[in-house]
């Protein structure tokens, strides 16, 4: 777990803006995956989490003391530990405060459908999935840890739960030719009704610290 730190006070921050755009908060550091193009995971290191009760206590503190009810989780991923996510949801559901929160999420074939629903009931209003590509061959070459059908399942279940779904896609990954690019376009077309927005449509770049650059 992460070492316990004092609850951030945001004393110099514009709380009017943060109430609207979401107060930054974290439940974890690092990422359990090692995607080849990612430079953030090597920087943050191994995946570790805060105790669920500390996360909820921080949210409740700001709700009651600063009238902040919207929280932007700035973790690399918020669902790297499914037990922690469920514990946070259970604690929020037991509390009277009506809070809204969102963040980036892994495409995880092991994440049960009912957990998306519980997240929504506990206040999760948005998830951004790093889909990367609609080609299984490209996803495997990047060590993404999931297949295109898993991404379809994730966006479908999240959307069905009432969660706003955004995706990020990378164009020009190693091994991507016209066929693979077409598979990505087909994936986006197939899932267009599940996705509210393409958050990022980025060209592949060699980022400092990434496996892709080292190799």
N, C-alpha and C. Protein backbone atom coordinates (compact mmCIF):
# COMPACT_ATOMS: atom_id res chain seq x y z
N UNK A 1 0.82 -1.20 0.00
CA UNK A 1 0.00 0.00 0.00
C UNK A 1 0.86 1.24 0.00
N UNK A 2 0.22 2.39 -0.20
CA UNK A 2 0.92 3.66 -0.17
C UNK A 2 1.05 4.13 1.27
N UNK A 3 2.15 4.83 1.55
CA UNK A 3 2.30 5.41 2.88
C UNK A 3 1.19 6.43 3.11
N UNK A 4 0.66 6.47 4.33
CA UNK A 4 -0.42 7.40 4.64
C UNK A 4 0.12 8.83 4.62
N UNK A 5 -0.56 9.68 3.89
CA UNK A 5 -0.21 11.08 3.80
C UNK A 5 -1.37 11.92 4.32
N UNK A 6 -1.09 13.15 4.80
CA UNK A 6 -2.19 14.02 5.23
C UNK A 6 -3.15 14.30 4.08
N UNK A 7 -4.42 14.47 4.39
CA UNK A 7 -5.40 14.81 3.36
C UNK A 7 -5.04 16.14 2.72
N UNK A 8 -4.92 16.21 1.39
CA UNK A 8 -4.60 17.50 0.74
C UNK A 8 -5.68 18.53 1.06
N UNK A 9 -5.25 19.74 1.41
CA UNK A 9 -6.19 20.79 1.80
C UNK A 9 -6.60 21.69 0.64
N UNK A 10 -5.76 21.78 -0.41
CA UNK A 10 -6.02 22.64 -1.57
C UNK A 10 -6.30 24.09 -1.13
N UNK A 11 -5.52 24.55 -0.16
CA UNK A 11 -5.77 25.87 0.41
C UNK A 11 -5.56 27.00 -0.60
N UNK A 12 -4.63 26.83 -1.54
CA UNK A 12 -4.36 27.87 -2.51
C UNK A 12 -5.12 27.67 -3.82
N UNK A 13 -5.94 26.64 -3.88
CA UNK A 13 -6.63 26.30 -5.12
C UNK A 13 -7.94 27.07 -5.25
N UNK A 14 -8.41 27.22 -6.48
CA UNK A 14 -9.70 27.82 -6.76
C UNK A 14 -10.76 26.72 -6.64
N UNK A 15 -11.38 26.64 -5.49
CA UNK A 15 -12.33 25.55 -5.24
C UNK A 15 -13.59 25.68 -6.10
N UNK A 16 -13.88 26.87 -6.56
CA UNK A 16 -15.03 27.04 -7.45
C UNK A 16 -14.79 26.24 -8.73
N UNK A 17 -13.56 26.36 -9.26
CA UNK A 17 -13.20 25.63 -10.47
C UNK A 17 -13.17 24.13 -10.18
N UNK A 18 -12.57 23.76 -9.04
CA UNK A 18 -12.43 22.34 -8.72
C UNK A 18 -13.78 21.68 -8.42
N UNK A 19 -14.73 22.45 -7.92
CA UNK A 19 -16.06 21.89 -7.72
C UNK A 19 -16.70 21.52 -9.05
N UNK A 20 -16.36 22.31 -10.08
CA UNK A 20 -16.94 22.08 -11.40
C UNK A 20 -16.16 21.01 -12.17
N UNK A 21 -14.84 21.09 -12.15
CA UNK A 21 -14.01 20.22 -12.98
C UNK A 21 -13.57 18.95 -12.27
N UNK A 22 -13.78 18.89 -10.99
CA UNK A 22 -13.42 17.70 -10.23
C UNK A 22 -12.14 17.87 -9.46
N UNK A 23 -12.19 17.60 -8.16
CA UNK A 23 -11.02 17.70 -7.32
C UNK A 23 -10.08 16.53 -7.61
N UNK A 24 -8.80 16.79 -7.87
CA UNK A 24 -7.86 15.68 -8.14
C UNK A 24 -7.71 14.79 -6.91
N UNK A 25 -7.70 13.50 -7.12
CA UNK A 25 -7.56 12.54 -6.04
C UNK A 25 -6.93 11.27 -6.60
N UNK A 26 -6.30 10.47 -5.74
CA UNK A 26 -5.67 9.22 -6.17
C UNK A 26 -6.06 8.09 -5.25
N UNK A 27 -6.23 6.90 -5.86
CA UNK A 27 -6.39 5.68 -5.08
C UNK A 27 -5.21 4.73 -5.27
N UNK A 28 -4.30 5.07 -6.23
CA UNK A 28 -3.20 4.16 -6.52
C UNK A 28 -2.05 4.89 -7.20
N UNK A 29 -0.95 4.18 -7.31
CA UNK A 29 0.20 4.61 -8.12
C UNK A 29 0.60 3.46 -9.02
N UNK A 30 1.19 3.79 -10.17
CA UNK A 30 1.68 2.76 -11.07
C UNK A 30 0.56 2.11 -11.86
N UNK A 31 0.91 1.01 -12.52
CA UNK A 31 -0.05 0.27 -13.34
C UNK A 31 0.37 -1.20 -13.37
N UNK A 32 -0.59 -2.13 -13.29
CA UNK A 32 -0.22 -3.55 -13.33
C UNK A 32 0.18 -4.04 -14.72
N UNK A 33 -0.03 -3.25 -15.75
CA UNK A 33 0.34 -3.63 -17.11
C UNK A 33 1.67 -3.00 -17.50
N UNK A 34 2.27 -3.54 -18.56
CA UNK A 34 3.52 -3.00 -19.08
C UNK A 34 3.39 -2.81 -20.59
N UNK A 35 2.52 -1.91 -21.01
CA UNK A 35 2.36 -1.63 -22.44
C UNK A 35 3.65 -1.03 -22.99
N UNK A 36 4.06 -1.48 -24.16
CA UNK A 36 5.37 -1.11 -24.70
C UNK A 36 5.52 0.38 -24.94
N UNK A 37 4.43 1.07 -25.32
CA UNK A 37 4.56 2.48 -25.68
C UNK A 37 4.42 3.41 -24.48
N UNK A 38 4.08 2.89 -23.30
CA UNK A 38 3.78 3.74 -22.14
C UNK A 38 5.06 4.20 -21.44
N UNK A 39 5.13 5.49 -21.16
CA UNK A 39 6.25 6.03 -20.39
C UNK A 39 5.84 6.32 -18.95
N UNK A 40 4.54 6.29 -18.65
CA UNK A 40 4.06 6.61 -17.30
C UNK A 40 4.30 5.46 -16.33
N UNK A 41 4.06 4.23 -16.77
CA UNK A 41 4.25 3.09 -15.86
C UNK A 41 5.70 2.96 -15.40
N UNK A 42 6.70 3.07 -16.31
CA UNK A 42 8.08 3.01 -15.83
C UNK A 42 8.40 4.13 -14.84
N UNK A 43 7.74 5.28 -15.00
CA UNK A 43 7.99 6.41 -14.11
C UNK A 43 7.37 6.19 -12.73
N UNK A 44 6.15 5.68 -12.69
CA UNK A 44 5.45 5.49 -11.42
C UNK A 44 5.78 4.16 -10.76
N UNK A 45 6.23 3.19 -11.55
CA UNK A 45 6.67 1.92 -10.97
C UNK A 45 5.56 0.92 -10.75
N UNK A 46 5.84 -0.02 -9.86
CA UNK A 46 4.92 -1.12 -9.60
C UNK A 46 3.58 -0.59 -9.09
N UNK A 47 2.55 -1.38 -9.29
CA UNK A 47 1.22 -0.96 -8.89
C UNK A 47 1.03 -1.15 -7.39
N UNK A 48 0.57 -0.09 -6.72
CA UNK A 48 0.25 -0.19 -5.30
C UNK A 48 -0.91 0.75 -5.00
N UNK A 49 -1.67 0.43 -3.97
CA UNK A 49 -2.91 1.15 -3.68
C UNK A 49 -2.92 1.72 -2.27
N UNK A 50 -3.76 2.73 -2.10
CA UNK A 50 -4.05 3.23 -0.76
C UNK A 50 -5.15 2.38 -0.16
N UNK A 51 -5.24 2.32 1.16
CA UNK A 51 -6.38 1.63 1.78
C UNK A 51 -7.68 2.29 1.33
N UNK A 52 -8.67 1.49 1.04
CA UNK A 52 -9.94 2.00 0.52
C UNK A 52 -10.55 3.04 1.46
N UNK A 53 -10.48 2.80 2.76
CA UNK A 53 -11.12 3.71 3.71
C UNK A 53 -10.47 5.09 3.68
N UNK A 54 -9.15 5.16 3.39
CA UNK A 54 -8.49 6.46 3.32
C UNK A 54 -8.98 7.26 2.11
N UNK A 55 -9.20 6.57 1.01
CA UNK A 55 -9.71 7.24 -0.20
C UNK A 55 -11.08 7.83 0.08
N UNK A 56 -11.95 7.03 0.68
CA UNK A 56 -13.31 7.48 0.96
C UNK A 56 -13.31 8.59 2.00
N UNK A 57 -12.46 8.48 3.01
CA UNK A 57 -12.38 9.52 4.03
C UNK A 57 -11.96 10.85 3.42
N UNK A 58 -11.04 10.82 2.44
CA UNK A 58 -10.62 12.05 1.77
C UNK A 58 -11.77 12.67 0.99
N UNK A 59 -12.52 11.83 0.30
CA UNK A 59 -13.66 12.34 -0.47
C UNK A 59 -14.71 12.95 0.45
N UNK A 60 -15.01 12.26 1.56
CA UNK A 60 -16.02 12.76 2.49
C UNK A 60 -15.55 14.06 3.15
N UNK A 61 -14.25 14.13 3.45
CA UNK A 61 -13.71 15.35 4.06
C UNK A 61 -13.98 16.55 3.17
N UNK A 62 -13.67 16.43 1.89
CA UNK A 62 -13.83 17.58 0.98
C UNK A 62 -15.31 17.86 0.70
N UNK A 63 -16.13 16.83 0.74
CA UNK A 63 -17.56 17.06 0.55
C UNK A 63 -18.13 17.88 1.71
N UNK A 64 -17.70 17.55 2.91
CA UNK A 64 -18.27 18.21 4.09
C UNK A 64 -17.60 19.53 4.45
N UNK A 65 -16.32 19.67 4.12
CA UNK A 65 -15.60 20.89 4.50
C UNK A 65 -15.47 21.90 3.37
N UNK A 66 -15.46 21.42 2.12
CA UNK A 66 -15.26 22.33 0.99
C UNK A 66 -16.41 22.28 -0.03
N UNK A 67 -17.46 21.55 0.30
CA UNK A 67 -18.62 21.42 -0.59
C UNK A 67 -18.20 20.95 -1.98
N UNK A 68 -17.21 20.05 -2.03
CA UNK A 68 -16.76 19.46 -3.29
C UNK A 68 -17.41 18.09 -3.43
N UNK A 69 -18.11 17.88 -4.53
CA UNK A 69 -18.83 16.62 -4.73
C UNK A 69 -18.47 15.94 -6.04
N UNK A 70 -17.46 16.50 -6.72
CA UNK A 70 -17.00 15.91 -7.99
C UNK A 70 -15.50 15.65 -7.87
N UNK A 71 -15.08 14.43 -8.18
CA UNK A 71 -13.69 14.03 -7.99
C UNK A 71 -13.13 13.41 -9.26
N UNK A 72 -11.96 13.89 -9.63
CA UNK A 72 -11.25 13.40 -10.82
C UNK A 72 -10.09 12.54 -10.36
N UNK A 73 -10.22 11.22 -10.50
CA UNK A 73 -9.13 10.33 -10.13
C UNK A 73 -8.04 10.43 -11.20
N UNK A 74 -6.85 10.84 -10.76
CA UNK A 74 -5.74 11.07 -11.69
C UNK A 74 -4.76 9.89 -11.71
N UNK A 75 -5.20 8.74 -11.25
CA UNK A 75 -4.41 7.51 -11.33
C UNK A 75 -4.17 7.15 -12.79
N UNK A 76 -3.12 6.37 -13.03
CA UNK A 76 -2.95 5.82 -14.37
C UNK A 76 -4.15 4.94 -14.71
N UNK A 77 -4.61 4.16 -13.74
CA UNK A 77 -5.83 3.35 -13.89
C UNK A 77 -6.50 3.27 -12.52
N UNK A 78 -7.83 3.26 -12.50
CA UNK A 78 -8.52 3.18 -11.21
C UNK A 78 -9.02 1.77 -10.90
N UNK A 79 -8.89 0.86 -11.84
CA UNK A 79 -9.39 -0.50 -11.60
C UNK A 79 -8.27 -1.54 -11.66
N UNK A 80 -7.08 -1.16 -11.24
CA UNK A 80 -5.98 -2.12 -11.21
C UNK A 80 -6.14 -3.15 -10.11
N UNK A 81 -6.92 -2.83 -9.09
CA UNK A 81 -7.20 -3.77 -7.99
C UNK A 81 -8.72 -3.79 -7.83
N UNK A 82 -9.37 -4.82 -8.34
CA UNK A 82 -10.82 -4.87 -8.36
C UNK A 82 -11.41 -4.96 -6.96
N UNK A 83 -10.71 -5.61 -6.03
CA UNK A 83 -11.21 -5.69 -4.66
C UNK A 83 -11.22 -4.31 -4.01
N UNK A 84 -10.20 -3.51 -4.30
CA UNK A 84 -10.15 -2.16 -3.75
C UNK A 84 -11.29 -1.31 -4.31
N UNK A 85 -11.51 -1.40 -5.63
CA UNK A 85 -12.59 -0.64 -6.25
C UNK A 85 -13.93 -1.00 -5.62
N UNK A 86 -14.18 -2.29 -5.44
CA UNK A 86 -15.45 -2.72 -4.86
C UNK A 86 -15.58 -2.24 -3.41
N UNK A 87 -14.47 -2.27 -2.67
CA UNK A 87 -14.51 -1.82 -1.28
C UNK A 87 -14.83 -0.32 -1.21
N UNK A 88 -14.23 0.46 -2.09
CA UNK A 88 -14.52 1.90 -2.14
C UNK A 88 -15.98 2.14 -2.47
N UNK A 89 -16.49 1.39 -3.45
CA UNK A 89 -17.90 1.53 -3.83
C UNK A 89 -18.82 1.18 -2.66
N UNK A 90 -18.52 0.10 -1.96
CA UNK A 90 -19.36 -0.31 -0.83
C UNK A 90 -19.39 0.78 0.24
N UNK A 91 -18.24 1.38 0.53
CA UNK A 91 -18.18 2.43 1.55
C UNK A 91 -18.94 3.67 1.10
N UNK A 92 -18.81 4.03 -0.16
CA UNK A 92 -19.54 5.20 -0.67
C UNK A 92 -21.05 4.96 -0.64
N UNK A 93 -21.47 3.74 -0.94
CA UNK A 93 -22.89 3.43 -0.94
C UNK A 93 -23.48 3.44 0.47
N UNK A 94 -22.62 3.24 1.48
CA UNK A 94 -23.08 3.27 2.87
C UNK A 94 -23.14 4.68 3.42
N UNK A 95 -22.62 5.65 2.64
CA UNK A 95 -22.54 7.04 3.09
C UNK A 95 -23.66 7.86 2.48
N UNK A 96 -24.04 8.94 3.18
CA UNK A 96 -25.15 9.78 2.68
C UNK A 96 -24.75 10.73 1.57
N UNK A 97 -23.45 11.08 1.46
CA UNK A 97 -23.02 12.08 0.50
C UNK A 97 -23.25 11.59 -0.93
N UNK A 98 -23.79 12.45 -1.77
CA UNK A 98 -23.97 12.13 -3.18
C UNK A 98 -22.78 12.70 -3.95
N UNK A 99 -21.85 11.82 -4.34
CA UNK A 99 -20.61 12.23 -4.97
C UNK A 99 -20.54 11.70 -6.39
N UNK A 100 -19.80 12.42 -7.24
CA UNK A 100 -19.56 11.98 -8.61
C UNK A 100 -18.06 11.87 -8.83
N UNK A 101 -17.64 10.84 -9.57
CA UNK A 101 -16.21 10.65 -9.79
C UNK A 101 -15.98 9.91 -11.10
N UNK A 102 -14.75 10.05 -11.61
CA UNK A 102 -14.40 9.44 -12.89
C UNK A 102 -12.89 9.24 -12.97
N UNK A 103 -12.42 8.49 -13.98
CA UNK A 103 -10.99 8.27 -14.15
C UNK A 103 -10.69 7.33 -15.30
N UNK A 104 -9.40 7.06 -15.51
CA UNK A 104 -8.95 6.14 -16.55
C UNK A 104 -9.07 4.71 -16.04
N UNK A 105 -9.38 3.79 -16.96
CA UNK A 105 -9.58 2.40 -16.56
C UNK A 105 -8.91 1.45 -17.53
N UNK A 106 -8.46 0.33 -16.99
CA UNK A 106 -7.95 -0.75 -17.82
C UNK A 106 -9.10 -1.50 -18.49
N UNK A 107 -8.87 -1.99 -19.68
CA UNK A 107 -9.73 -3.01 -20.25
C UNK A 107 -9.32 -4.31 -19.56
N UNK A 108 -10.21 -4.83 -18.72
CA UNK A 108 -9.89 -6.01 -17.91
C UNK A 108 -10.97 -7.06 -18.12
N UNK A 109 -10.60 -8.16 -18.77
CA UNK A 109 -11.56 -9.22 -19.05
C UNK A 109 -12.07 -9.87 -17.77
N UNK A 110 -11.37 -9.69 -16.65
CA UNK A 110 -11.78 -10.29 -15.39
C UNK A 110 -12.70 -9.40 -14.57
N UNK A 111 -12.98 -8.20 -15.05
CA UNK A 111 -13.84 -7.27 -14.31
C UNK A 111 -15.30 -7.66 -14.55
N UNK A 112 -16.01 -8.06 -13.49
CA UNK A 112 -17.38 -8.54 -13.68
C UNK A 112 -18.34 -7.41 -14.05
N UNK A 113 -19.34 -7.79 -14.80
CA UNK A 113 -20.32 -6.81 -15.27
C UNK A 113 -20.99 -6.08 -14.11
N UNK A 114 -21.28 -6.80 -13.04
CA UNK A 114 -21.99 -6.19 -11.92
C UNK A 114 -21.16 -5.11 -11.22
N UNK A 115 -19.84 -5.18 -11.37
CA UNK A 115 -19.01 -4.16 -10.73
C UNK A 115 -19.19 -2.81 -11.44
N UNK A 116 -19.38 -2.81 -12.75
CA UNK A 116 -19.66 -1.55 -13.44
C UNK A 116 -20.93 -0.92 -12.88
N UNK A 117 -21.94 -1.74 -12.67
CA UNK A 117 -23.19 -1.22 -12.12
C UNK A 117 -22.99 -0.69 -10.72
N UNK A 118 -22.24 -1.40 -9.90
CA UNK A 118 -22.00 -0.93 -8.53
C UNK A 118 -21.22 0.39 -8.55
N UNK A 119 -20.25 0.50 -9.46
CA UNK A 119 -19.50 1.76 -9.58
C UNK A 119 -20.43 2.92 -9.91
N UNK A 120 -21.35 2.68 -10.83
CA UNK A 120 -22.29 3.76 -11.20
C UNK A 120 -23.16 4.15 -10.02
N UNK A 121 -23.67 3.16 -9.30
CA UNK A 121 -24.50 3.45 -8.14
C UNK A 121 -23.73 4.21 -7.07
N UNK A 122 -22.40 3.97 -7.01
CA UNK A 122 -21.56 4.63 -6.01
C UNK A 122 -21.05 6.00 -6.49
N UNK A 123 -21.47 6.42 -7.69
CA UNK A 123 -21.14 7.78 -8.13
C UNK A 123 -20.23 7.89 -9.32
N UNK A 124 -19.74 6.76 -9.86
CA UNK A 124 -18.85 6.83 -11.03
C UNK A 124 -19.68 7.26 -12.24
N UNK A 125 -19.29 8.39 -12.86
CA UNK A 125 -20.04 8.89 -14.01
C UNK A 125 -19.26 8.77 -15.31
N UNK A 126 -17.95 8.44 -15.25
CA UNK A 126 -17.18 8.36 -16.48
C UNK A 126 -15.95 7.48 -16.36
N UNK A 127 -15.65 6.76 -17.44
CA UNK A 127 -14.43 5.96 -17.53
C UNK A 127 -13.80 6.21 -18.89
N UNK A 128 -12.46 6.36 -18.87
CA UNK A 128 -11.71 6.46 -20.12
C UNK A 128 -10.86 5.20 -20.28
N UNK A 129 -11.11 4.47 -21.35
CA UNK A 129 -10.38 3.24 -21.61
C UNK A 129 -9.30 3.49 -22.65
N UNK A 130 -8.07 3.05 -22.36
CA UNK A 130 -6.99 3.09 -23.35
C UNK A 130 -7.13 1.85 -24.23
N UNK A 131 -7.91 1.96 -25.28
CA UNK A 131 -8.16 0.82 -26.16
C UNK A 131 -6.95 0.55 -27.06
N UNK A 132 -6.22 1.59 -27.41
CA UNK A 132 -5.00 1.52 -28.21
C UNK A 132 -5.28 1.14 -29.66
N UNK A 133 -5.86 -0.03 -29.90
CA UNK A 133 -6.02 -0.55 -31.26
C UNK A 133 -7.18 -1.53 -31.31
N UNK A 134 -7.76 -1.68 -32.49
CA UNK A 134 -8.79 -2.69 -32.68
C UNK A 134 -8.25 -3.97 -33.26
N UNK A 135 -6.93 -4.06 -33.38
CA UNK A 135 -6.27 -5.24 -33.95
C UNK A 135 -5.66 -6.08 -32.84
N UNK A 136 -6.05 -7.34 -32.75
CA UNK A 136 -5.48 -8.23 -31.74
C UNK A 136 -3.98 -8.40 -31.93
N UNK A 137 -3.53 -8.42 -33.17
CA UNK A 137 -2.10 -8.61 -33.42
C UNK A 137 -1.30 -7.42 -32.89
N UNK A 138 -1.80 -6.22 -33.10
CA UNK A 138 -1.11 -5.03 -32.60
C UNK A 138 -1.17 -4.97 -31.08
N UNK A 139 -2.32 -5.29 -30.50
CA UNK A 139 -2.45 -5.28 -29.04
C UNK A 139 -1.48 -6.27 -28.41
N UNK A 140 -1.33 -7.43 -29.00
CA UNK A 140 -0.39 -8.43 -28.47
C UNK A 140 1.03 -7.92 -28.57
N UNK A 141 1.38 -7.28 -29.68
CA UNK A 141 2.75 -6.78 -29.86
C UNK A 141 3.09 -5.70 -28.85
N UNK A 142 2.08 -5.01 -28.34
CA UNK A 142 2.30 -3.94 -27.37
C UNK A 142 2.20 -4.41 -25.93
N UNK A 143 1.90 -5.69 -25.73
CA UNK A 143 1.75 -6.20 -24.36
C UNK A 143 0.57 -5.58 -23.65
N UNK A 144 -0.51 -5.30 -24.40
CA UNK A 144 -1.65 -4.58 -23.83
C UNK A 144 -2.39 -5.39 -22.76
N UNK A 145 -2.36 -6.72 -22.88
CA UNK A 145 -3.01 -7.55 -21.87
C UNK A 145 -4.48 -7.79 -22.10
N UNK A 146 -4.98 -7.44 -23.28
CA UNK A 146 -6.38 -7.68 -23.61
C UNK A 146 -6.53 -7.79 -25.12
N UNK A 147 -7.71 -8.26 -25.56
CA UNK A 147 -8.02 -8.36 -26.97
C UNK A 147 -9.12 -7.36 -27.33
N UNK A 148 -9.31 -7.17 -28.63
CA UNK A 148 -10.31 -6.20 -29.09
C UNK A 148 -11.70 -6.54 -28.58
N UNK A 149 -12.04 -7.84 -28.51
CA UNK A 149 -13.36 -8.23 -28.01
C UNK A 149 -13.51 -7.89 -26.53
N UNK A 150 -12.41 -7.95 -25.78
CA UNK A 150 -12.47 -7.55 -24.37
C UNK A 150 -12.79 -6.07 -24.25
N UNK A 151 -12.24 -5.25 -25.15
CA UNK A 151 -12.52 -3.82 -25.14
C UNK A 151 -13.98 -3.57 -25.49
N UNK A 152 -14.51 -4.32 -26.44
CA UNK A 152 -15.93 -4.20 -26.78
C UNK A 152 -16.80 -4.51 -25.58
N UNK A 153 -16.46 -5.57 -24.87
CA UNK A 153 -17.21 -5.95 -23.67
C UNK A 153 -17.15 -4.86 -22.62
N UNK A 154 -15.97 -4.28 -22.40
CA UNK A 154 -15.80 -3.25 -21.37
C UNK A 154 -16.64 -2.02 -21.67
N UNK A 155 -16.57 -1.52 -22.90
CA UNK A 155 -17.32 -0.30 -23.22
C UNK A 155 -18.82 -0.57 -23.23
N UNK A 156 -19.21 -1.78 -23.62
CA UNK A 156 -20.63 -2.13 -23.65
C UNK A 156 -21.19 -2.21 -22.24
N UNK A 157 -20.48 -2.88 -21.35
CA UNK A 157 -20.97 -3.05 -19.98
C UNK A 157 -20.96 -1.72 -19.22
N UNK A 158 -19.91 -0.91 -19.43
CA UNK A 158 -19.86 0.38 -18.76
C UNK A 158 -21.00 1.28 -19.23
N UNK A 159 -21.22 1.32 -20.52
CA UNK A 159 -22.30 2.14 -21.07
C UNK A 159 -23.66 1.66 -20.58
N UNK A 160 -23.85 0.34 -20.56
CA UNK A 160 -25.12 -0.22 -20.09
C UNK A 160 -25.37 0.12 -18.62
N UNK A 161 -24.30 0.29 -17.84
CA UNK A 161 -24.43 0.64 -16.43
C UNK A 161 -24.75 2.12 -16.23
N UNK A 162 -24.69 2.90 -17.32
CA UNK A 162 -24.97 4.33 -17.21
C UNK A 162 -23.73 5.17 -17.04
N UNK A 163 -22.56 4.60 -17.31
CA UNK A 163 -21.29 5.32 -17.18
C UNK A 163 -20.91 5.90 -18.54
N UNK A 164 -20.53 7.17 -18.55
CA UNK A 164 -20.07 7.82 -19.77
C UNK A 164 -18.74 7.20 -20.18
N UNK A 165 -18.64 6.74 -21.43
CA UNK A 165 -17.46 6.02 -21.90
C UNK A 165 -16.68 6.85 -22.92
N UNK A 166 -15.39 7.02 -22.65
CA UNK A 166 -14.47 7.63 -23.60
C UNK A 166 -13.35 6.64 -23.87
N UNK A 167 -12.75 6.73 -25.04
CA UNK A 167 -11.66 5.83 -25.40
C UNK A 167 -10.50 6.61 -25.98
N UNK A 168 -9.31 6.04 -25.85
CA UNK A 168 -8.11 6.58 -26.47
C UNK A 168 -7.56 5.53 -27.42
N UNK A 169 -7.16 5.98 -28.60
CA UNK A 169 -6.65 5.10 -29.65
C UNK A 169 -5.34 5.67 -30.16
N UNK A 170 -4.40 4.79 -30.48
CA UNK A 170 -3.09 5.21 -31.00
C UNK A 170 -2.95 4.71 -32.43
N UNK A 171 -2.54 5.58 -33.31
CA UNK A 171 -2.38 5.24 -34.72
C UNK A 171 -0.89 5.12 -35.05
N UNK A 172 -0.54 4.08 -35.82
CA UNK A 172 0.84 3.92 -36.25
C UNK A 172 1.71 3.13 -35.30
N UNK A 173 1.09 2.27 -34.49
CA UNK A 173 1.87 1.40 -33.61
C UNK A 173 2.69 0.41 -34.44
N UNK A 174 3.82 -0.03 -33.93
CA UNK A 174 4.63 -1.01 -34.67
C UNK A 174 3.80 -2.24 -35.06
N UNK A 175 3.92 -2.65 -36.30
CA UNK A 175 3.16 -3.79 -36.79
C UNK A 175 1.82 -3.40 -37.40
N UNK A 176 1.45 -2.12 -37.28
CA UNK A 176 0.18 -1.70 -37.84
C UNK A 176 0.36 -1.31 -39.31
N UNK A 177 -0.29 -2.06 -40.19
CA UNK A 177 -0.34 -1.73 -41.60
C UNK A 177 -1.79 -1.41 -41.95
N UNK A 178 -2.08 -1.37 -43.24
CA UNK A 178 -3.43 -0.97 -43.66
C UNK A 178 -4.49 -1.90 -43.10
N UNK A 179 -4.20 -3.20 -43.04
CA UNK A 179 -5.17 -4.16 -42.52
C UNK A 179 -5.50 -3.87 -41.06
N UNK A 180 -4.46 -3.68 -40.24
CA UNK A 180 -4.65 -3.44 -38.81
C UNK A 180 -5.33 -2.08 -38.56
N UNK A 181 -4.96 -1.08 -39.36
CA UNK A 181 -5.61 0.22 -39.24
C UNK A 181 -7.11 0.07 -39.53
N UNK A 182 -7.42 -0.73 -40.53
CA UNK A 182 -8.83 -0.98 -40.86
C UNK A 182 -9.57 -1.68 -39.74
N UNK A 183 -8.87 -2.57 -39.03
CA UNK A 183 -9.50 -3.25 -37.90
C UNK A 183 -9.84 -2.27 -36.78
N UNK A 184 -8.96 -1.29 -36.57
CA UNK A 184 -9.24 -0.27 -35.56
C UNK A 184 -10.44 0.58 -35.97
N UNK A 185 -10.47 0.99 -37.24
CA UNK A 185 -11.61 1.77 -37.74
C UNK A 185 -12.90 0.97 -37.60
N UNK A 186 -12.84 -0.33 -37.91
CA UNK A 186 -14.02 -1.18 -37.80
C UNK A 186 -14.46 -1.32 -36.35
N UNK A 187 -13.50 -1.40 -35.42
CA UNK A 187 -13.84 -1.51 -33.99
C UNK A 187 -14.58 -0.25 -33.54
N UNK A 188 -14.08 0.91 -33.96
CA UNK A 188 -14.73 2.17 -33.57
C UNK A 188 -16.14 2.26 -34.17
N UNK A 189 -16.27 1.83 -35.40
CA UNK A 189 -17.59 1.84 -36.04
C UNK A 189 -18.55 0.90 -35.32
N UNK A 190 -18.07 -0.28 -34.99
CA UNK A 190 -18.90 -1.28 -34.32
C UNK A 190 -19.39 -0.78 -32.96
N UNK A 191 -18.55 -0.03 -32.25
CA UNK A 191 -18.86 0.37 -30.88
C UNK A 191 -19.26 1.83 -30.75
N UNK A 192 -19.62 2.45 -31.86
CA UNK A 192 -19.86 3.90 -31.84
C UNK A 192 -21.01 4.30 -30.92
N UNK A 193 -21.99 3.41 -30.73
CA UNK A 193 -23.12 3.76 -29.88
C UNK A 193 -22.83 3.55 -28.39
N UNK A 194 -21.72 2.90 -28.08
CA UNK A 194 -21.34 2.70 -26.68
C UNK A 194 -20.40 3.80 -26.18
N UNK A 195 -19.82 4.54 -27.12
CA UNK A 195 -18.77 5.51 -26.80
C UNK A 195 -19.29 6.93 -26.98
N UNK A 196 -19.13 7.76 -25.96
CA UNK A 196 -19.58 9.14 -26.08
C UNK A 196 -18.55 10.04 -26.76
N UNK A 197 -17.28 9.64 -26.66
CA UNK A 197 -16.23 10.52 -27.19
C UNK A 197 -14.93 9.75 -27.36
N UNK A 198 -14.21 10.06 -28.44
CA UNK A 198 -12.82 9.59 -28.56
C UNK A 198 -11.96 10.64 -27.90
N UNK A 199 -11.48 10.32 -26.70
CA UNK A 199 -10.74 11.30 -25.90
C UNK A 199 -9.43 11.67 -26.58
N UNK A 200 -8.72 10.67 -27.06
CA UNK A 200 -7.44 10.90 -27.73
C UNK A 200 -7.35 10.00 -28.95
N UNK A 201 -6.94 10.57 -30.07
CA UNK A 201 -6.62 9.82 -31.28
C UNK A 201 -5.22 10.28 -31.66
N UNK A 202 -4.22 9.53 -31.20
CA UNK A 202 -2.85 10.01 -31.20
C UNK A 202 -1.96 9.22 -32.15
N UNK A 203 -1.00 9.89 -32.78
CA UNK A 203 0.02 9.13 -33.51
C UNK A 203 0.99 8.50 -32.52
N UNK A 204 1.52 7.35 -32.86
CA UNK A 204 2.49 6.67 -32.00
C UNK A 204 3.79 7.46 -31.96
N UNK A 205 4.27 7.76 -30.77
CA UNK A 205 5.54 8.45 -30.61
C UNK A 205 6.42 7.66 -29.64
N UNK A 206 7.72 7.79 -29.80
CA UNK A 206 8.65 7.12 -28.89
C UNK A 206 8.84 7.99 -27.66
N UNK A 207 8.33 7.53 -26.53
CA UNK A 207 8.36 8.32 -25.31
C UNK A 207 9.50 7.87 -24.40
N UNK A 208 10.14 8.84 -23.80
CA UNK A 208 11.27 8.58 -22.93
C UNK A 208 10.87 7.61 -21.82
N UNK A 209 11.66 6.55 -21.65
CA UNK A 209 11.41 5.57 -20.59
C UNK A 209 10.56 4.40 -21.02
N UNK A 210 9.96 4.46 -22.20
CA UNK A 210 9.08 3.38 -22.63
C UNK A 210 9.87 2.18 -23.14
N UNK A 211 9.25 1.01 -23.06
CA UNK A 211 9.85 -0.20 -23.61
C UNK A 211 10.07 -0.04 -25.11
N UNK A 212 9.13 0.62 -25.76
CA UNK A 212 9.20 0.82 -27.20
C UNK A 212 10.46 1.58 -27.59
N UNK A 213 10.79 2.62 -26.83
CA UNK A 213 12.01 3.40 -27.14
C UNK A 213 13.26 2.58 -26.85
N UNK A 214 13.26 1.85 -25.72
CA UNK A 214 14.43 1.07 -25.36
C UNK A 214 14.73 -0.02 -26.38
N UNK A 215 13.67 -0.54 -27.02
CA UNK A 215 13.85 -1.62 -27.97
C UNK A 215 13.86 -1.14 -29.41
